[in-house]
Each structure stands twice: as C-alpha cells, then as structure tokens.
Amino acid sequence: MDFIGHALARAVEEGKKEENLRMEEELQKRMEVLCARQKEVNDQQLGALQQLMDERNEIHKEELCRQKEVSDKQLEELRKRMEEIEEHHRQELSALKEEYDKRLEELVRQKEESDRRLEDLRRQKEESDRRLEEELRCF
C-alpha cells in the first residue's frame, strides 16, 4: 500500500502542479488583458489630455493675437497723436519764427534810424564845433 499511497500522492502532487501551471497561465492571460485595457485607458486619457492642451494653446494663441491687435491699435493711436503734436509744434515754431523775423526787422529799422540820427547829431556837433571855433577866433 505504501507504493499505492506514494503513487497516489505523486499523482495528487502532479495534479496540483498542473493546476498551478494552468492557474499561472490563466493569471498571465488575465494580466495581459488587464495591461492591454489599462494601455487603452491610458492612451484615451493621453489623447484627451493632448486635446485639452491643444485647445488651451489655441485659446492662449487667440488671446495673444487679440492683445497684439489691441497693442497695435494703441501704438497706431500714439503714433497719430505724436504726429499731431509734432505738427502743432511746427506751427508754433513757424509762428514764433515769423514773429521773431518781424521783430528783428523792426529792430534793424530802428537801429538804422538811430544810426541816421546819430550821424545827423554828429554832423550838427561838427557844424556847431566849427562855428564855435570861428566865433572864438574872432574874439
């Protein structure tokens, strides 16, 4: 009986090994299926995340374009304002130059008149000095 008991024990042992191998294979298949499903889920999540990032980048790009348009408009308004200020300053300078030129002409005319009067006074003095000398000679 010992022989039968051993044979039976070996058969049971073999059965357990086969059962374990079959269970390991089943577990391996289930793990492969679970890994494949998890990969699909990960791929879907990655795709959704990429789509969200693309949408966010597009929104950010549109916002930057809008801000650039606003900045460009403000810059154009500033440029126009600067041109208006420059034109105003040119007009003011032109008016001031015209006024300066008129005043300078007036001062030149006054100087010429003063020079003529001074010359007349010099002549009168010379004439007066000459007469005075003649009168003094007579005495």
N, C-alpha and C. Protein backbone atom coordinates (compact mmCIF):
# COMPACT_ATOMS: atom_id res chain seq x y z
N MET A 1 0.79 -1.18 0.00
CA MET A 1 0.00 0.00 0.00
C MET A 1 0.84 1.25 0.00
N ASP A 2 1.93 1.06 0.52
CA ASP A 2 2.82 2.18 0.54
C ASP A 2 3.12 2.66 -0.87
N PHE A 3 3.26 1.73 -1.74
CA PHE A 3 3.54 2.06 -3.12
C PHE A 3 2.36 2.81 -3.72
N ILE A 4 1.18 2.35 -3.47
CA ILE A 4 -0.04 2.98 -3.99
C ILE A 4 -0.20 4.35 -3.35
N GLY A 5 0.10 4.44 -2.09
CA GLY A 5 -0.02 5.73 -1.40
C GLY A 5 0.95 6.74 -1.99
N HIS A 6 2.15 6.25 -2.27
CA HIS A 6 3.13 7.14 -2.86
C HIS A 6 2.71 7.53 -4.26
N ALA A 7 2.23 6.55 -5.02
CA ALA A 7 1.79 6.83 -6.38
C ALA A 7 0.63 7.81 -6.35
N LEU A 8 -0.26 7.58 -5.45
CA LEU A 8 -1.42 8.46 -5.32
C LEU A 8 -0.96 9.86 -4.89
N ALA A 9 -0.03 9.90 -3.97
CA ALA A 9 0.46 11.19 -3.50
C ALA A 9 1.17 11.92 -4.65
N ARG A 10 1.91 11.12 -5.50
CA ARG A 10 2.59 11.74 -6.64
C ARG A 10 1.57 12.23 -7.65
N ALA A 11 0.53 11.48 -7.85
CA ALA A 11 -0.50 11.88 -8.80
C ALA A 11 -1.17 13.15 -8.32
N VAL A 12 -1.44 13.20 -7.03
CA VAL A 12 -2.07 14.41 -6.47
C VAL A 12 -1.11 15.58 -6.62
N GLU A 13 0.18 15.29 -6.34
CA GLU A 13 1.20 16.32 -6.47
C GLU A 13 1.28 16.80 -7.91
N GLU A 14 1.26 15.89 -8.86
CA GLU A 14 1.30 16.24 -10.28
C GLU A 14 0.07 17.04 -10.66
N GLY A 15 -1.05 16.63 -10.12
CA GLY A 15 -2.30 17.35 -10.40
C GLY A 15 -2.23 18.78 -9.90
N LYS A 16 -1.65 18.93 -8.70
CA LYS A 16 -1.51 20.27 -8.15
C LYS A 16 -0.58 21.11 -9.01
N LYS A 17 0.51 20.50 -9.47
CA LYS A 17 1.44 21.24 -10.32
C LYS A 17 0.77 21.66 -11.62
N GLU A 18 0.02 20.75 -12.22
CA GLU A 18 -0.69 21.07 -13.45
C GLU A 18 -1.72 22.16 -13.20
N GLU A 19 -2.42 22.02 -12.07
CA GLU A 19 -3.43 23.04 -11.71
C GLU A 19 -2.75 24.39 -11.50
N ASN A 20 -1.61 24.37 -10.82
CA ASN A 20 -0.86 25.62 -10.59
C ASN A 20 -0.40 26.23 -11.92
N LEU A 21 0.11 25.36 -12.82
CA LEU A 21 0.55 25.85 -14.13
C LEU A 21 -0.62 26.44 -14.90
N ARG A 22 -1.76 25.73 -14.87
CA ARG A 22 -2.94 26.22 -15.55
C ARG A 22 -3.39 27.55 -14.94
N MET A 23 -3.36 27.66 -13.64
CA MET A 23 -3.76 28.90 -12.96
C MET A 23 -2.78 30.03 -13.29
N GLU A 24 -1.49 29.71 -13.34
CA GLU A 24 -0.49 30.72 -13.70
C GLU A 24 -0.71 31.21 -15.13
N GLU A 25 -1.00 30.28 -16.04
CA GLU A 25 -1.28 30.67 -17.41
C GLU A 25 -2.53 31.54 -17.48
N GLU A 26 -3.55 31.14 -16.73
CA GLU A 26 -4.80 31.93 -16.68
C GLU A 26 -4.53 33.33 -16.12
N LEU A 27 -3.73 33.37 -15.05
CA LEU A 27 -3.37 34.67 -14.45
C LEU A 27 -2.56 35.52 -15.44
N GLN A 28 -1.65 34.84 -16.14
CA GLN A 28 -0.84 35.55 -17.13
C GLN A 28 -1.74 36.14 -18.21
N LYS A 29 -2.71 35.35 -18.71
CA LYS A 29 -3.64 35.85 -19.73
C LYS A 29 -4.46 37.02 -19.20
N ARG A 30 -4.96 36.88 -17.97
CA ARG A 30 -5.74 37.96 -17.37
C ARG A 30 -4.89 39.23 -17.21
N MET A 31 -3.64 39.05 -16.78
CA MET A 31 -2.74 40.20 -16.63
C MET A 31 -2.51 40.89 -17.98
N GLU A 32 -2.33 40.09 -19.03
CA GLU A 32 -2.13 40.65 -20.36
C GLU A 32 -3.37 41.43 -20.81
N VAL A 33 -4.56 40.86 -20.54
CA VAL A 33 -5.81 41.54 -20.88
C VAL A 33 -5.93 42.84 -20.08
N LEU A 34 -5.65 42.74 -18.75
CA LEU A 34 -5.73 43.95 -17.91
C LEU A 34 -4.72 45.00 -18.36
N CYS A 35 -3.50 44.57 -18.70
CA CYS A 35 -2.49 45.51 -19.18
C CYS A 35 -2.93 46.16 -20.48
N ALA A 36 -3.51 45.37 -21.38
CA ALA A 36 -3.98 45.91 -22.66
C ALA A 36 -5.10 46.92 -22.42
N ARG A 37 -6.03 46.58 -21.50
CA ARG A 37 -7.13 47.52 -21.19
C ARG A 37 -6.57 48.79 -20.56
N GLN A 38 -5.62 48.62 -19.63
CA GLN A 38 -5.04 49.79 -18.98
C GLN A 38 -4.32 50.66 -20.00
N LYS A 39 -3.63 50.04 -20.96
CA LYS A 39 -2.95 50.80 -22.03
C LYS A 39 -3.97 51.57 -22.85
N GLU A 40 -5.11 50.94 -23.17
CA GLU A 40 -6.16 51.64 -23.92
C GLU A 40 -6.66 52.84 -23.14
N VAL A 41 -6.91 52.63 -21.84
CA VAL A 41 -7.39 53.72 -20.98
C VAL A 41 -6.34 54.84 -20.93
N ASN A 42 -5.09 54.44 -20.74
CA ASN A 42 -4.01 55.44 -20.70
C ASN A 42 -3.92 56.21 -22.02
N ASP A 43 -4.02 55.48 -23.13
CA ASP A 43 -3.97 56.12 -24.45
C ASP A 43 -5.14 57.09 -24.62
N GLN A 44 -6.34 56.68 -24.17
CA GLN A 44 -7.51 57.56 -24.27
C GLN A 44 -7.31 58.80 -23.41
N GLN A 45 -6.82 58.61 -22.18
CA GLN A 45 -6.59 59.75 -21.29
C GLN A 45 -5.52 60.67 -21.86
N LEU A 46 -4.47 60.06 -22.42
CA LEU A 46 -3.42 60.86 -23.03
C LEU A 46 -3.96 61.66 -24.22
N GLY A 47 -4.79 61.03 -25.03
CA GLY A 47 -5.41 61.72 -26.17
C GLY A 47 -6.29 62.87 -25.71
N ALA A 48 -7.09 62.60 -24.66
CA ALA A 48 -7.97 63.66 -24.13
C ALA A 48 -7.14 64.80 -23.55
N LEU A 49 -6.06 64.45 -22.84
CA LEU A 49 -5.19 65.47 -22.26
C LEU A 49 -4.51 66.28 -23.37
N GLN A 50 -4.07 65.61 -24.41
CA GLN A 50 -3.44 66.30 -25.54
C GLN A 50 -4.44 67.25 -26.21
N GLN A 51 -5.68 66.79 -26.35
CA GLN A 51 -6.72 67.63 -26.95
C GLN A 51 -6.97 68.86 -26.09
N LEU A 52 -7.04 68.66 -24.76
CA LEU A 52 -7.24 69.79 -23.85
C LEU A 52 -6.07 70.78 -23.94
N MET A 53 -4.87 70.25 -24.01
CA MET A 53 -3.69 71.12 -24.13
C MET A 53 -3.72 71.87 -25.45
N ASP A 54 -4.10 71.20 -26.53
CA ASP A 54 -4.20 71.86 -27.83
C ASP A 54 -5.24 72.97 -27.80
N GLU A 55 -6.39 72.68 -27.17
CA GLU A 55 -7.45 73.70 -27.06
C GLU A 55 -6.97 74.88 -26.22
N ARG A 56 -6.30 74.57 -25.11
CA ARG A 56 -5.78 75.62 -24.23
C ARG A 56 -4.75 76.46 -24.98
N ASN A 57 -3.88 75.81 -25.73
CA ASN A 57 -2.87 76.55 -26.51
C ASN A 57 -3.53 77.42 -27.57
N GLU A 58 -4.57 76.90 -28.20
CA GLU A 58 -5.28 77.67 -29.22
C GLU A 58 -5.95 78.90 -28.59
N ILE A 59 -6.57 78.70 -27.43
CA ILE A 59 -7.21 79.83 -26.73
C ILE A 59 -6.14 80.85 -26.35
N HIS A 60 -5.01 80.36 -25.83
CA HIS A 60 -3.92 81.27 -25.44
C HIS A 60 -3.39 82.02 -26.66
N LYS A 61 -3.26 81.31 -27.77
CA LYS A 61 -2.78 81.94 -29.01
C LYS A 61 -3.76 83.02 -29.47
N GLU A 62 -5.05 82.71 -29.42
CA GLU A 62 -6.07 83.69 -29.82
C GLU A 62 -6.02 84.91 -28.90
N GLU A 63 -5.82 84.68 -27.60
CA GLU A 63 -5.75 85.78 -26.65
C GLU A 63 -4.52 86.64 -26.94
N LEU A 64 -3.40 86.01 -27.23
CA LEU A 64 -2.20 86.76 -27.57
C LEU A 64 -2.41 87.58 -28.85
N CYS A 65 -3.07 86.99 -29.83
CA CYS A 65 -3.37 87.73 -31.07
C CYS A 65 -4.26 88.93 -30.78
N ARG A 66 -5.26 88.73 -29.93
CA ARG A 66 -6.16 89.82 -29.56
C ARG A 66 -5.38 90.92 -28.84
N GLN A 67 -4.52 90.53 -27.91
CA GLN A 67 -3.71 91.52 -27.19
C GLN A 67 -2.79 92.26 -28.14
N LYS A 68 -2.23 91.55 -29.12
CA LYS A 68 -1.35 92.19 -30.10
C LYS A 68 -2.14 93.20 -30.93
N GLU A 69 -3.36 92.82 -31.32
CA GLU A 69 -4.19 93.74 -32.09
C GLU A 69 -4.47 95.01 -31.28
N VAL A 70 -4.79 94.83 -29.99
CA VAL A 70 -5.05 95.97 -29.12
C VAL A 70 -3.78 96.83 -29.01
N SER A 71 -2.64 96.17 -28.80
CA SER A 71 -1.37 96.90 -28.70
C SER A 71 -1.06 97.63 -30.00
N ASP A 72 -1.27 96.97 -31.12
CA ASP A 72 -1.03 97.62 -32.41
C ASP A 72 -1.92 98.83 -32.59
N LYS A 73 -3.19 98.70 -32.18
CA LYS A 73 -4.12 99.81 -32.29
C LYS A 73 -3.67 100.97 -31.40
N GLN A 74 -3.28 100.64 -30.16
CA GLN A 74 -2.81 101.69 -29.24
C GLN A 74 -1.55 102.35 -29.78
N LEU A 75 -0.66 101.55 -30.35
CA LEU A 75 0.57 102.09 -30.91
C LEU A 75 0.26 103.02 -32.08
N GLU A 76 -0.68 102.64 -32.92
CA GLU A 76 -1.07 103.48 -34.05
C GLU A 76 -1.68 104.79 -33.55
N GLU A 77 -2.52 104.70 -32.51
CA GLU A 77 -3.12 105.92 -31.94
C GLU A 77 -2.04 106.83 -31.37
N LEU A 78 -1.05 106.24 -30.69
CA LEU A 78 0.05 107.03 -30.15
C LEU A 78 0.87 107.68 -31.27
N ARG A 79 1.10 106.92 -32.34
CA ARG A 79 1.84 107.47 -33.46
C ARG A 79 1.11 108.67 -34.07
N LYS A 80 -0.22 108.51 -34.26
CA LYS A 80 -1.01 109.62 -34.80
C LYS A 80 -0.97 110.82 -33.86
N ARG A 81 -1.07 110.56 -32.57
CA ARG A 81 -1.04 111.65 -31.58
C ARG A 81 0.31 112.37 -31.62
N MET A 82 1.38 111.58 -31.74
CA MET A 82 2.72 112.18 -31.83
C MET A 82 2.83 113.05 -33.08
N GLU A 83 2.28 112.57 -34.20
CA GLU A 83 2.31 113.36 -35.44
C GLU A 83 1.53 114.66 -35.25
N GLU A 84 0.38 114.58 -34.56
CA GLU A 84 -0.41 115.79 -34.31
C GLU A 84 0.38 116.78 -33.44
N ILE A 85 1.04 116.25 -32.42
CA ILE A 85 1.83 117.11 -31.52
C ILE A 85 2.98 117.74 -32.29
N GLU A 86 3.66 116.93 -33.12
CA GLU A 86 4.77 117.46 -33.91
C GLU A 86 4.29 118.55 -34.86
N GLU A 87 3.14 118.32 -35.50
CA GLU A 87 2.59 119.33 -36.42
C GLU A 87 2.25 120.61 -35.65
N HIS A 88 1.65 120.46 -34.47
CA HIS A 88 1.31 121.61 -33.65
C HIS A 88 2.59 122.39 -33.28
N HIS A 89 3.64 121.65 -32.90
CA HIS A 89 4.90 122.30 -32.55
C HIS A 89 5.52 123.00 -33.77
N ARG A 90 5.42 122.35 -34.92
CA ARG A 90 5.94 123.01 -36.14
C ARG A 90 5.19 124.32 -36.40
N GLN A 91 3.88 124.29 -36.24
CA GLN A 91 3.09 125.51 -36.46
C GLN A 91 3.47 126.58 -35.45
N GLU A 92 3.61 126.17 -34.17
CA GLU A 92 4.00 127.14 -33.14
C GLU A 92 5.37 127.73 -33.45
N LEU A 93 6.32 126.85 -33.83
CA LEU A 93 7.67 127.34 -34.16
C LEU A 93 7.63 128.27 -35.36
N SER A 94 6.84 127.93 -36.35
CA SER A 94 6.72 128.78 -37.53
C SER A 94 6.16 130.15 -37.14
N ALA A 95 5.14 130.15 -36.30
CA ALA A 95 4.54 131.42 -35.86
C ALA A 95 5.57 132.22 -35.04
N LEU A 96 6.30 131.54 -34.17
CA LEU A 96 7.31 132.23 -33.37
C LEU A 96 8.43 132.78 -34.26
N LYS A 97 8.84 132.01 -35.26
CA LYS A 97 9.89 132.48 -36.18
C LYS A 97 9.40 133.70 -36.96
N GLU A 98 8.17 133.65 -37.40
CA GLU A 98 7.60 134.79 -38.14
C GLU A 98 7.59 136.03 -37.25
N GLU A 99 7.16 135.85 -36.01
CA GLU A 99 7.11 136.96 -35.06
C GLU A 99 8.54 137.47 -34.79
N TYR A 100 9.47 136.55 -34.63
CA TYR A 100 10.87 136.91 -34.40
C TYR A 100 11.42 137.69 -35.59
N ASP A 101 11.14 137.19 -36.80
CA ASP A 101 11.63 137.88 -38.01
C ASP A 101 11.07 139.29 -38.10
N LYS A 102 9.79 139.46 -37.79
CA LYS A 102 9.18 140.80 -37.82
C LYS A 102 9.84 141.71 -36.79
N ARG A 103 10.04 141.16 -35.60
CA ARG A 103 10.66 141.95 -34.53
C ARG A 103 12.09 142.31 -34.90
N LEU A 104 12.80 141.35 -35.51
CA LEU A 104 14.17 141.62 -35.93
C LEU A 104 14.20 142.71 -36.99
N GLU A 105 13.27 142.66 -37.95
CA GLU A 105 13.19 143.70 -38.98
C GLU A 105 12.94 145.07 -38.35
N GLU A 106 12.05 145.08 -37.36
CA GLU A 106 11.73 146.33 -36.67
C GLU A 106 12.96 146.86 -35.94
N LEU A 107 13.69 145.95 -35.28
CA LEU A 107 14.89 146.39 -34.56
C LEU A 107 15.96 146.88 -35.53
N VAL A 108 16.10 146.22 -36.68
CA VAL A 108 17.06 146.67 -37.70
C VAL A 108 16.66 148.06 -38.20
N ARG A 109 15.36 148.24 -38.46
CA ARG A 109 14.87 149.55 -38.93
C ARG A 109 15.14 150.63 -37.87
N GLN A 110 14.86 150.28 -36.59
CA GLN A 110 15.11 151.25 -35.51
C GLN A 110 16.60 151.58 -35.39
N LYS A 111 17.44 150.58 -35.57
CA LYS A 111 18.89 150.81 -35.48
C LYS A 111 19.34 151.71 -36.63
N GLU A 112 18.83 151.43 -37.82
CA GLU A 112 19.20 152.27 -38.96
C GLU A 112 18.75 153.71 -38.72
N GLU A 113 17.55 153.88 -38.17
CA GLU A 113 17.04 155.22 -37.85
C GLU A 113 17.93 155.88 -36.79
N SER A 114 18.30 155.08 -35.78
CA SER A 114 19.18 155.62 -34.73
C SER A 114 20.53 156.00 -35.32
N ASP A 115 21.04 155.16 -36.22
CA ASP A 115 22.32 155.47 -36.86
C ASP A 115 22.22 156.77 -37.66
N ARG A 116 21.11 156.97 -38.38
CA ARG A 116 20.92 158.21 -39.14
C ARG A 116 20.86 159.42 -38.19
N ARG A 117 20.11 159.28 -37.11
CA ARG A 117 20.01 160.38 -36.15
C ARG A 117 21.37 160.69 -35.53
N LEU A 118 22.08 159.58 -35.21
CA LEU A 118 23.41 159.75 -34.62
C LEU A 118 24.32 160.48 -35.61
N GLU A 119 24.25 160.11 -36.85
CA GLU A 119 25.05 160.76 -37.89
C GLU A 119 24.64 162.23 -38.02
N ASP A 120 23.33 162.48 -38.00
CA ASP A 120 22.86 163.87 -38.06
C ASP A 120 23.38 164.67 -36.86
N LEU A 121 23.29 164.05 -35.68
CA LEU A 121 23.77 164.73 -34.48
C LEU A 121 25.28 164.97 -34.55
N ARG A 122 26.02 164.01 -35.10
CA ARG A 122 27.46 164.16 -35.24
C ARG A 122 27.77 165.33 -36.19
N ARG A 123 27.02 165.40 -37.29
CA ARG A 123 27.22 166.50 -38.24
C ARG A 123 26.88 167.84 -37.59
N GLN A 124 25.76 167.83 -36.86
CA GLN A 124 25.36 169.07 -36.19
C GLN A 124 26.42 169.51 -35.18
N LYS A 125 26.98 168.53 -34.47
CA LYS A 125 28.01 168.85 -33.49
C LYS A 125 29.25 169.38 -34.20
N GLU A 126 29.62 168.73 -35.29
CA GLU A 126 30.78 169.20 -36.05
C GLU A 126 30.53 170.64 -36.53
N GLU A 127 29.34 170.87 -37.02
CA GLU A 127 28.99 172.20 -37.52
C GLU A 127 29.01 173.19 -36.36
N SER A 128 28.46 172.74 -35.24
CA SER A 128 28.43 173.61 -34.07
C SER A 128 29.85 173.86 -33.58
N ASP A 129 30.68 172.83 -33.54
CA ASP A 129 32.07 172.97 -33.10
C ASP A 129 32.81 173.92 -34.05
N ARG A 130 32.58 173.78 -35.36
CA ARG A 130 33.23 174.62 -36.35
C ARG A 130 32.82 176.10 -36.16
N ARG A 131 31.52 176.32 -35.96
CA ARG A 131 31.04 177.70 -35.75
C ARG A 131 31.63 178.30 -34.48
N LEU A 132 31.67 177.43 -33.41
CA LEU A 132 32.19 177.87 -32.14
C LEU A 132 33.66 178.27 -32.32
N GLU A 133 34.40 177.50 -33.05
CA GLU A 133 35.80 177.79 -33.30
C GLU A 133 35.94 179.13 -34.06
N GLU A 134 35.10 179.30 -35.04
CA GLU A 134 35.14 180.55 -35.82
C GLU A 134 34.83 181.74 -34.94
N GLU A 135 33.84 181.60 -34.08
CA GLU A 135 33.47 182.71 -33.19
C GLU A 135 34.59 182.97 -32.19
N LEU A 136 35.23 181.87 -31.75
CA LEU A 136 36.30 182.06 -30.78
C LEU A 136 37.53 182.72 -31.45
N ARG A 137 37.70 182.51 -32.71
CA ARG A 137 38.82 183.12 -33.43
C ARG A 137 38.58 184.63 -33.57
N CYS A 138 37.35 184.92 -33.72
CA CYS A 138 37.03 186.32 -33.86
C CYS A 138 37.31 187.07 -32.57
N PHE A 139 37.24 186.48 -31.48
CA PHE A 139 37.49 187.15 -30.19
C PHE A 139 38.91 187.13 -29.95
